[in-house]
Amino acid sequence: MSNESSSEPQWAAYAAIDWADREHVWNMQPAENGPCESGKVEQTPEAIEIWASQLATRFNGRPIAVALEQSRGPSLRHARSGYSGPQNSDQAIS
């Protein structure tokens, strides 16, 4: 029996972010089995906005599953800035 209303989104990519004070390290695996990618993004709202906008453009606005390591601070507020989507940390930022 299928329950389409609770089905998993079709993720464009899976990302993990290690949030830090000055810069954040990320790893990402595109869902289409491309190579795993990694990089860093500066700890400013502007740098995070540019990085997130580039991902949104690259994946045509499709949702990206994000795992965020955070011990403290307002990282989710910055990560969600300007984007609609789930507000629960157990869900994806889209």
C-alpha atoms as a PDB file:
ATOM      1  CA  MET A   1       0.000   0.000   0.000  1.00  0.00           C
ATOM      2  CA  SER A   2       1.367   3.427  -0.980  1.00  0.00           C
ATOM      3  CA  ASN A   3       0.950   6.620   1.025  1.00  0.00           C
ATOM      4  CA  GLU A   4       1.973   9.426  -1.345  1.00  0.00           C
ATOM      5  CA  SER A   5       1.244  12.266   1.108  1.00  0.00           C
ATOM      6  CA  SER A   6       4.135  11.181   3.354  1.00  0.00           C
ATOM      7  CA  SER A   7       6.578  10.154   0.636  1.00  0.00           C
ATOM      8  CA  GLU A   8      10.211  11.177   0.805  1.00  0.00           C
ATOM      9  CA  PRO A   9      11.154  14.201  -1.375  1.00  0.00           C
ATOM     10  CA  GLN A  10      13.252  13.602  -4.466  1.00  0.00           C
ATOM     11  CA  TRP A  11      16.522  15.010  -3.138  1.00  0.00           C
ATOM     12  CA  ALA A  12      18.869  16.724  -5.584  1.00  0.00           C
ATOM     13  CA  ALA A  13      21.849  16.226  -3.261  1.00  0.00           C
ATOM     14  CA  TYR A  14      22.892  15.269   0.250  1.00  0.00           C
ATOM     15  CA  ALA A  15      25.045  17.774   2.130  1.00  0.00           C
ATOM     16  CA  ALA A  16      26.807  17.774   5.501  1.00  0.00           C
ATOM     17  CA  ILE A  17      28.038  21.003   7.069  1.00  0.00           C
ATOM     18  CA  ASP A  18      30.484  21.311   9.966  1.00  0.00           C
ATOM     19  CA  TRP A  19      29.523  24.727  11.365  1.00  0.00           C
ATOM     20  CA  ALA A  20      32.365  26.749  12.938  1.00  0.00           C
ATOM     21  CA  ASP A  21      33.170  30.251  14.149  1.00  0.00           C
ATOM     22  CA  ARG A  22      35.059  31.565  11.096  1.00  0.00           C
ATOM     23  CA  GLU A  23      34.347  29.202   8.218  1.00  0.00           C
ATOM     24  CA  HIS A  24      32.232  26.146   7.610  1.00  0.00           C
ATOM     25  CA  VAL A  25      33.412  22.946   5.950  1.00  0.00           C
ATOM     26  CA  TRP A  26      30.922  21.081   3.779  1.00  0.00           C
ATOM     27  CA  ASN A  27      30.696  17.831   1.831  1.00  0.00           C
ATOM     28  CA  MET A  28      28.024  17.106  -0.746  1.00  0.00           C
ATOM     29  CA  GLN A  29      26.977  14.087  -2.765  1.00  0.00           C
ATOM     30  CA  PRO A  30      24.713  14.804  -5.762  1.00  0.00           C
ATOM     31  CA  ALA A  31      21.811  12.344  -5.912  1.00  0.00           C
ATOM     32  CA  GLU A  32      22.731  11.422  -9.498  1.00  0.00           C
ATOM     33  CA  ASN A  33      25.900   9.685  -8.209  1.00  0.00           C
ATOM     34  CA  GLY A  34      28.364  12.322  -9.333  1.00  0.00           C
ATOM     35  CA  PRO A  35      31.626  12.714  -7.451  1.00  0.00           C
ATOM     36  CA  CYS A  36      31.503  13.736  -3.796  1.00  0.00           C
ATOM     37  CA  GLU A  37      32.383  17.417  -3.486  1.00  0.00           C
ATOM     38  CA  SER A  38      33.786  19.426  -0.590  1.00  0.00           C
ATOM     39  CA  GLY A  39      34.628  22.990   0.212  1.00  0.00           C
ATOM     40  CA  LYS A  40      34.508  25.821   2.712  1.00  0.00           C
ATOM     41  CA  VAL A  41      32.253  28.818   3.121  1.00  0.00           C
ATOM     42  CA  GLU A  42      33.026  31.892   5.188  1.00  0.00           C
ATOM     43  CA  GLN A  43      30.958  32.544   8.325  1.00  0.00           C
ATOM     44  CA  THR A  44      29.011  35.552   7.065  1.00  0.00           C
ATOM     45  CA  PRO A  45      25.341  35.756   6.104  1.00  0.00           C
ATOM     46  CA  GLU A  46      26.380  37.071   2.671  1.00  0.00           C
ATOM     47  CA  ALA A  47      28.773  34.182   1.936  1.00  0.00           C
ATOM     48  CA  ILE A  48      26.213  31.621   3.082  1.00  0.00           C
ATOM     49  CA  GLU A  49      23.524  33.276   0.948  1.00  0.00           C
ATOM     50  CA  ILE A  50      25.768  33.160  -2.142  1.00  0.00           C
ATOM     51  CA  TRP A  51      26.654  29.491  -1.545  1.00  0.00           C
ATOM     52  CA  ALA A  52      23.009  28.496  -0.985  1.00  0.00           C
ATOM     53  CA  SER A  53      21.874  30.491  -4.039  1.00  0.00           C
ATOM     54  CA  GLN A  54      24.486  28.751  -6.201  1.00  0.00           C
ATOM     55  CA  LEU A  55      23.208  25.358  -5.025  1.00  0.00           C
ATOM     56  CA  ALA A  56      19.589  26.363  -5.671  1.00  0.00           C
ATOM     57  CA  THR A  57      20.516  27.441  -9.209  1.00  0.00           C
ATOM     58  CA  ARG A  58      22.648  24.365  -9.870  1.00  0.00           C
ATOM     59  CA  PHE A  59      19.911  21.969  -8.761  1.00  0.00           C
ATOM     60  CA  ASN A  60      17.032  23.963 -10.294  1.00  0.00           C
ATOM     61  CA  GLY A  61      15.431  24.664  -6.916  1.00  0.00           C
ATOM     62  CA  ARG A  62      15.075  20.962  -6.037  1.00  0.00           C
ATOM     63  CA  PRO A  63      15.419  20.190  -2.298  1.00  0.00           C
ATOM     64  CA  ILE A  64      18.795  19.346  -0.793  1.00  0.00           C
ATOM     65  CA  ALA A  65      18.969  17.181   2.329  1.00  0.00           C
ATOM     66  CA  VAL A  66      21.263  18.845   4.861  1.00  0.00           C
ATOM     67  CA  ALA A  67      22.907  17.475   7.997  1.00  0.00           C
ATOM     68  CA  LEU A  68      24.245  20.288  10.149  1.00  0.00           C
ATOM     69  CA  GLU A  69      26.745  19.852  12.966  1.00  0.00           C
ATOM     70  CA  GLN A  70      26.262  22.638  15.480  1.00  0.00           C
ATOM     71  CA  SER A  71      27.164  22.869  19.131  1.00  0.00           C
ATOM     72  CA  ARG A  72      25.871  26.440  19.566  1.00  0.00           C
ATOM     73  CA  GLY A  73      24.957  29.613  17.718  1.00  0.00           C
ATOM     74  CA  PRO A  74      22.437  30.860  15.134  1.00  0.00           C
ATOM     75  CA  SER A  75      23.530  28.728  12.190  1.00  0.00           C
ATOM     76  CA  LEU A  76      20.078  27.476  11.203  1.00  0.00           C
ATOM     77  CA  ARG A  77      18.784  31.034  11.078  1.00  0.00           C
ATOM     78  CA  HIS A  78      21.580  31.934   8.629  1.00  0.00           C
ATOM     79  CA  ALA A  79      21.227  28.712   6.657  1.00  0.00           C
ATOM     80  CA  ARG A  80      17.483  29.249   6.203  1.00  0.00           C
ATOM     81  CA  SER A  81      17.743  32.966   5.494  1.00  0.00           C
ATOM     82  CA  GLY A  82      15.753  33.804   2.381  1.00  0.00           C
ATOM     83  CA  TYR A  83      14.586  30.251   1.767  1.00  0.00           C
ATOM     84  CA  SER A  84      11.234  28.629   2.345  1.00  0.00           C
ATOM     85  CA  GLY A  85      10.978  25.080   3.479  1.00  0.00           C
ATOM     86  CA  PRO A  86      10.811  22.922   6.565  1.00  0.00           C
ATOM     87  CA  GLN A  87      11.704  24.688   9.795  1.00  0.00           C
ATOM     88  CA  ASN A  88      12.396  21.455  11.683  1.00  0.00           C
ATOM     89  CA  SER A  89      16.105  20.630  12.002  1.00  0.00           C
ATOM     90  CA  ASP A  90      15.286  16.980  11.186  1.00  0.00           C
ATOM     91  CA  GLN A  91      14.106  18.010   7.717  1.00  0.00           C
ATOM     92  CA  ALA A  92      15.826  19.475   4.701  1.00  0.00           C
ATOM     93  CA  ILE A  93      16.553  23.081   3.905  1.00  0.00           C
ATOM     94  CA  SER A  94      15.170  23.807   0.481  1.00  0.00           C
END
